[in-house]
């Protein structure tokens, strides 16, 4: 019976030690939930921050990733970010800050046409399953143009 208790204690210590090693040390911050599509604070907070720094509130404004943001509504922020507008999203896809001016050079067609019929395999699958309406396309273009001008 003594051997069984000692074996159990040794196995339990090894199990907890290996669990700690794998899940805490090796995997690092895996306990934290990914913070996709979370961006800047409200306009009131931005204005307060701008006043503290002595800058104009217009320079401190950012685009919200709330339900009202077209990129969030259409799921773009699952893969993409727009750093120029302080919109945080996924890291799988490229940052869209300069997409308004760079898409034609990369994909051989203007961004307006790319959003209708993308030439990349990934985006053609994504947009093919969830096409943008003319109004949504205009909203995306306006947002990406704003990002490219910063």
Protein backbone atom coordinates (compact mmCIF):
# COMPACT_ATOMS: atom_id res chain seq x y z
CA UNK A 1 0.00 0.00 0.00
CA UNK A 2 2.90 2.35 0.76
CA UNK A 3 4.29 1.80 -2.75
CA UNK A 4 0.92 2.65 -4.31
CA UNK A 5 0.66 5.94 -2.41
CA UNK A 6 4.23 6.90 -3.25
CA UNK A 7 3.67 6.02 -6.94
CA UNK A 8 0.47 8.09 -6.99
CA UNK A 9 2.18 11.14 -5.42
CA UNK A 10 5.14 10.90 -7.80
CA UNK A 11 2.85 10.59 -10.84
CA UNK A 12 0.68 13.49 -9.68
CA UNK A 13 3.72 15.75 -9.20
CA UNK A 14 5.09 14.76 -12.61
CA UNK A 15 1.68 15.34 -14.21
CA UNK A 16 1.23 18.79 -12.70
CA UNK A 17 4.83 19.68 -13.47
CA UNK A 18 4.53 18.66 -17.11
CA UNK A 19 1.18 20.44 -17.40
CA UNK A 20 2.71 23.62 -16.05
CA UNK A 21 5.69 23.29 -18.35
CA UNK A 22 3.64 22.71 -21.49
CA UNK A 23 0.69 25.02 -20.93
CA UNK A 24 2.32 27.88 -19.04
CA UNK A 25 5.97 27.99 -19.98
CA UNK A 26 6.06 26.69 -23.55
CA UNK A 27 2.72 28.05 -24.80
CA UNK A 28 3.23 31.33 -22.97
CA UNK A 29 0.20 33.62 -22.96
CA UNK A 30 -2.18 31.04 -24.36
CA UNK A 31 -4.48 31.59 -21.38
CA UNK A 32 -5.31 35.04 -22.68
CA UNK A 33 -8.12 35.26 -25.19
CA UNK A 34 -7.15 36.73 -28.57
CA UNK A 35 -8.31 40.30 -28.87
CA UNK A 36 -9.40 40.46 -32.47
CA UNK A 37 -11.36 43.43 -33.74
CA UNK A 38 -10.93 45.57 -30.67
CA UNK A 39 -9.90 49.12 -31.33
CA UNK A 40 -9.82 52.57 -29.93
CA UNK A 41 -12.05 53.99 -27.27
CA UNK A 42 -15.03 56.24 -27.56
CA UNK A 43 -14.86 59.75 -28.96
CA UNK A 44 -15.25 61.24 -25.47
CA UNK A 45 -12.15 59.43 -24.24
CA UNK A 46 -10.25 60.33 -27.41
CA UNK A 47 -11.06 63.99 -26.93
CA UNK A 48 -9.87 63.83 -23.32
CA UNK A 49 -6.64 62.12 -24.39
CA UNK A 50 -6.12 64.68 -27.13
CA UNK A 51 -6.60 67.52 -24.66
CA UNK A 52 -4.07 65.99 -22.27
CA UNK A 53 -1.50 65.71 -25.05
CA UNK A 54 -2.26 69.16 -26.39
CA UNK A 55 -3.29 67.86 -29.80
CA UNK A 56 -6.39 68.48 -31.79
CA UNK A 57 -9.22 65.99 -31.14
CA UNK A 58 -9.61 65.48 -34.90
CA UNK A 59 -6.11 63.98 -35.07
CA UNK A 60 -6.89 61.55 -32.25
CA UNK A 61 -10.08 60.09 -33.69
CA UNK A 62 -10.11 56.51 -34.82
CA UNK A 63 -12.60 54.28 -36.51
CA UNK A 64 -14.52 52.00 -34.21
CA UNK A 65 -14.66 48.27 -34.75
CA UNK A 66 -18.20 48.22 -33.43
CA UNK A 67 -21.21 46.78 -35.20
CA UNK A 68 -21.37 49.97 -37.30
CA UNK A 69 -17.97 49.36 -38.90
CA UNK A 70 -18.39 47.76 -42.33
CA UNK A 71 -15.13 45.82 -41.98
CA UNK A 72 -16.43 44.27 -38.77
CA UNK A 73 -19.90 43.60 -40.19
CA UNK A 74 -18.52 41.74 -43.19
CA UNK A 75 -15.92 39.79 -41.19
CA UNK A 76 -12.85 41.46 -42.72
CA UNK A 77 -11.33 42.04 -39.28
CA UNK A 78 -11.12 38.32 -38.69
CA UNK A 79 -8.01 38.36 -40.90
CA UNK A 80 -7.09 42.00 -41.57
CA UNK A 81 -6.16 45.10 -39.58
CA UNK A 82 -6.11 48.74 -40.67
CA UNK A 83 -3.28 50.19 -38.60
CA UNK A 84 -3.57 53.67 -40.14
CA UNK A 85 -7.03 53.97 -38.57
CA UNK A 86 -6.07 52.11 -35.37
CA UNK A 87 -8.37 49.23 -36.28
CA UNK A 88 -7.01 46.03 -34.82
CA UNK A 89 -8.02 42.77 -36.39
CA UNK A 90 -6.49 39.48 -37.34
CA UNK A 91 -2.89 39.04 -38.36
CA UNK A 92 -3.45 36.37 -41.01
CA UNK A 93 -4.22 38.78 -43.84
CA UNK A 94 -2.22 41.86 -44.80
CA UNK A 95 -2.80 45.24 -43.21
CA UNK A 96 -5.31 47.18 -45.34
CA UNK A 97 -3.94 50.66 -44.60
CA UNK A 98 -2.55 51.07 -48.13
CA UNK A 99 -4.88 48.66 -49.96
CA UNK A 100 -6.69 51.53 -51.67
CA UNK A 101 -3.54 52.43 -53.61
CA UNK A 102 -1.71 49.06 -53.72
CA UNK A 103 -4.35 46.57 -54.89
CA UNK A 104 -4.12 47.43 -58.57
CA UNK A 105 -0.36 46.87 -58.63
CA UNK A 106 -0.66 43.58 -56.75
CA UNK A 107 -3.74 42.11 -58.39
CA UNK A 108 -3.93 43.80 -61.79
CA UNK A 109 -7.26 45.56 -61.32
CA UNK A 110 -8.51 48.62 -59.43
CA UNK A 111 -9.75 48.02 -55.91
CA UNK A 112 -13.35 48.72 -56.97
CA UNK A 113 -13.17 45.81 -59.41
CA UNK A 114 -11.17 43.64 -57.00
CA UNK A 115 -13.94 43.92 -54.40
CA UNK A 116 -16.46 42.73 -57.02
CA UNK A 117 -14.35 39.85 -58.36
CA UNK A 118 -11.07 39.27 -56.50
CA UNK A 119 -8.14 37.68 -58.29
CA UNK A 120 -6.55 36.13 -55.19
CA UNK A 121 -7.65 32.59 -54.34
CA UNK A 122 -8.37 33.34 -50.69
CA UNK A 123 -10.34 36.52 -51.29
CA UNK A 124 -12.32 35.08 -54.19
CA UNK A 125 -13.50 32.33 -51.85
CA UNK A 126 -14.35 34.78 -49.08
CA UNK A 127 -16.11 37.37 -51.20
CA UNK A 128 -17.72 34.69 -53.37
CA UNK A 129 -19.47 33.30 -50.30
CA UNK A 130 -20.36 36.73 -48.91
CA UNK A 131 -20.49 39.28 -51.76
CA UNK A 132 -20.58 42.99 -51.03
CA UNK A 133 -23.55 45.08 -52.10
CA UNK A 134 -22.86 48.33 -53.96
CA UNK A 135 -23.48 50.29 -50.74
CA UNK A 136 -21.16 48.06 -48.71
CA UNK A 137 -18.47 48.28 -51.39
CA UNK A 138 -18.74 52.10 -51.27
CA UNK A 139 -18.39 52.05 -47.47
CA UNK A 140 -15.31 49.80 -47.66
CA UNK A 141 -13.76 52.00 -50.36
CA UNK A 142 -14.39 55.17 -48.34
CA UNK A 143 -12.78 53.60 -45.26
CA UNK A 144 -9.76 52.31 -47.19
CA UNK A 145 -9.32 55.66 -48.96
CA UNK A 146 -9.37 57.39 -45.57
CA UNK A 147 -6.71 54.94 -44.31
CA UNK A 148 -4.47 55.50 -47.34
CA UNK A 149 -4.52 59.26 -46.79
CA UNK A 150 -3.08 59.00 -43.27
